[in-house]
Amino acid sequence: MAVNSNFLVKVTDAKLSDVQKALQAAGISIRSIIEVHKEETEAAAQ
């Protein structure tokens, strides 16, 4: 029986499409990916 799970993943300097491709390459079936928040960090500003 399949189980639907929800995860929150925090990344640095990655695009949504990069995350999707990495998950698919690991054999993980993706139902949806939603960007909920984006902020510029101090390290990224320099």
N, C-alpha and C. Protein backbone atom coordinates (compact mmCIF):
# COMPACT_ATOMS: atom_id res chain seq x y z
N MET A 1 0.84 -1.18 0.00
CA MET A 1 0.00 0.00 0.00
C MET A 1 0.89 1.25 0.00
N ALA A 2 0.59 2.19 -0.87
CA ALA A 2 1.35 3.43 -0.95
C ALA A 2 0.93 4.37 0.18
N VAL A 3 1.89 5.14 0.65
CA VAL A 3 1.64 6.11 1.71
C VAL A 3 2.03 7.48 1.20
N ASN A 4 1.15 8.45 1.33
CA ASN A 4 1.47 9.83 0.97
C ASN A 4 2.11 10.51 2.17
N SER A 5 3.26 11.15 1.96
CA SER A 5 3.97 11.86 3.02
C SER A 5 4.25 13.28 2.57
N ASN A 6 4.32 14.19 3.53
CA ASN A 6 4.66 15.58 3.27
C ASN A 6 5.95 15.90 4.01
N PHE A 7 6.91 16.52 3.31
CA PHE A 7 8.18 16.88 3.89
C PHE A 7 8.46 18.36 3.62
N LEU A 8 9.17 18.99 4.52
CA LEU A 8 9.65 20.34 4.32
C LEU A 8 11.16 20.24 4.14
N VAL A 9 11.66 20.72 3.02
CA VAL A 9 13.09 20.66 2.71
C VAL A 9 13.61 22.08 2.61
N LYS A 10 14.67 22.38 3.35
CA LYS A 10 15.29 23.70 3.27
C LYS A 10 16.61 23.55 2.51
N VAL A 11 16.82 24.39 1.51
CA VAL A 11 18.02 24.32 0.68
C VAL A 11 18.68 25.69 0.57
N THR A 12 19.94 25.68 0.20
CA THR A 12 20.68 26.92 -0.05
C THR A 12 21.16 26.88 -1.49
N ASP A 13 20.90 27.94 -2.22
CA ASP A 13 21.35 28.08 -3.60
C ASP A 13 20.91 26.92 -4.49
N ALA A 14 19.65 26.54 -4.41
CA ALA A 14 19.11 25.50 -5.29
C ALA A 14 17.79 25.97 -5.87
N LYS A 15 17.57 25.62 -7.10
CA LYS A 15 16.31 25.95 -7.75
C LYS A 15 15.32 24.82 -7.52
N LEU A 16 14.05 25.13 -7.60
CA LEU A 16 13.01 24.14 -7.42
C LEU A 16 13.21 22.98 -8.39
N SER A 17 13.55 23.28 -9.62
CA SER A 17 13.75 22.23 -10.62
C SER A 17 14.94 21.33 -10.25
N ASP A 18 15.98 21.89 -9.62
CA ASP A 18 17.12 21.09 -9.18
C ASP A 18 16.72 20.10 -8.11
N VAL A 19 15.88 20.55 -7.18
CA VAL A 19 15.40 19.69 -6.10
C VAL A 19 14.54 18.57 -6.69
N GLN A 20 13.68 18.92 -7.62
CA GLN A 20 12.81 17.93 -8.26
C GLN A 20 13.65 16.88 -8.99
N LYS A 21 14.64 17.30 -9.74
CA LYS A 21 15.49 16.36 -10.48
C LYS A 21 16.26 15.45 -9.53
N ALA A 22 16.76 15.98 -8.42
CA ALA A 22 17.51 15.18 -7.45
C ALA A 22 16.61 14.12 -6.81
N LEU A 23 15.40 14.50 -6.47
CA LEU A 23 14.47 13.54 -5.87
C LEU A 23 14.09 12.46 -6.87
N GLN A 24 13.83 12.84 -8.10
CA GLN A 24 13.49 11.86 -9.13
C GLN A 24 14.66 10.93 -9.41
N ALA A 25 15.89 11.46 -9.41
CA ALA A 25 17.07 10.63 -9.64
C ALA A 25 17.26 9.61 -8.52
N ALA A 26 16.77 9.94 -7.32
CA ALA A 26 16.85 9.02 -6.18
C ALA A 26 15.69 8.03 -6.18
N GLY A 27 14.84 8.10 -7.20
CA GLY A 27 13.72 7.17 -7.31
C GLY A 27 12.51 7.56 -6.48
N ILE A 28 12.42 8.84 -6.12
CA ILE A 28 11.31 9.33 -5.30
C ILE A 28 10.25 9.94 -6.21
N SER A 29 9.04 9.43 -6.10
CA SER A 29 7.91 9.95 -6.89
C SER A 29 7.40 11.23 -6.23
N ILE A 30 7.27 12.28 -7.02
CA ILE A 30 6.88 13.60 -6.49
C ILE A 30 5.46 13.91 -6.90
N ARG A 31 4.61 14.22 -5.91
CA ARG A 31 3.24 14.64 -6.21
C ARG A 31 3.20 16.13 -6.47
N SER A 32 3.92 16.93 -5.70
CA SER A 32 3.97 18.37 -5.92
C SER A 32 5.14 18.96 -5.13
N ILE A 33 5.63 20.09 -5.61
CA ILE A 33 6.64 20.88 -4.90
C ILE A 33 6.15 22.32 -4.90
N ILE A 34 6.14 22.93 -3.72
CA ILE A 34 5.65 24.29 -3.59
C ILE A 34 6.70 25.11 -2.84
N GLU A 35 7.09 26.22 -3.41
CA GLU A 35 8.00 27.14 -2.72
C GLU A 35 7.16 28.00 -1.78
N VAL A 36 7.45 27.93 -0.48
CA VAL A 36 6.63 28.66 0.48
C VAL A 36 7.32 29.92 1.02
N HIS A 37 8.65 29.98 0.92
CA HIS A 37 9.34 31.16 1.46
C HIS A 37 10.73 31.24 0.82
N LYS A 38 11.15 32.45 0.51
CA LYS A 38 12.49 32.68 -0.02
C LYS A 38 13.06 33.89 0.67
N GLU A 39 14.30 33.78 1.12
CA GLU A 39 14.96 34.92 1.75
C GLU A 39 16.42 34.94 1.33
N GLU A 40 16.96 36.12 1.25
CA GLU A 40 18.37 36.25 0.92
C GLU A 40 19.16 36.22 2.22
N THR A 41 20.15 35.32 2.27
CA THR A 41 20.96 35.22 3.47
C THR A 41 22.11 36.21 3.40
N GLU A 42 22.72 36.42 4.53
CA GLU A 42 23.84 37.37 4.59
C GLU A 42 24.99 36.91 3.71
N ALA A 43 25.27 35.61 3.67
CA ALA A 43 26.35 35.07 2.86
C ALA A 43 26.06 35.27 1.38
N ALA A 44 24.81 35.16 0.98
CA ALA A 44 24.44 35.32 -0.43
C ALA A 44 24.52 36.78 -0.86
N ALA A 45 24.37 37.69 0.06
CA ALA A 45 24.38 39.12 -0.25
C ALA A 45 25.79 39.63 -0.57
N GLN A 46 26.81 38.91 -0.09
CA GLN A 46 28.20 39.37 -0.29
C GLN A 46 28.75 38.97 -1.61
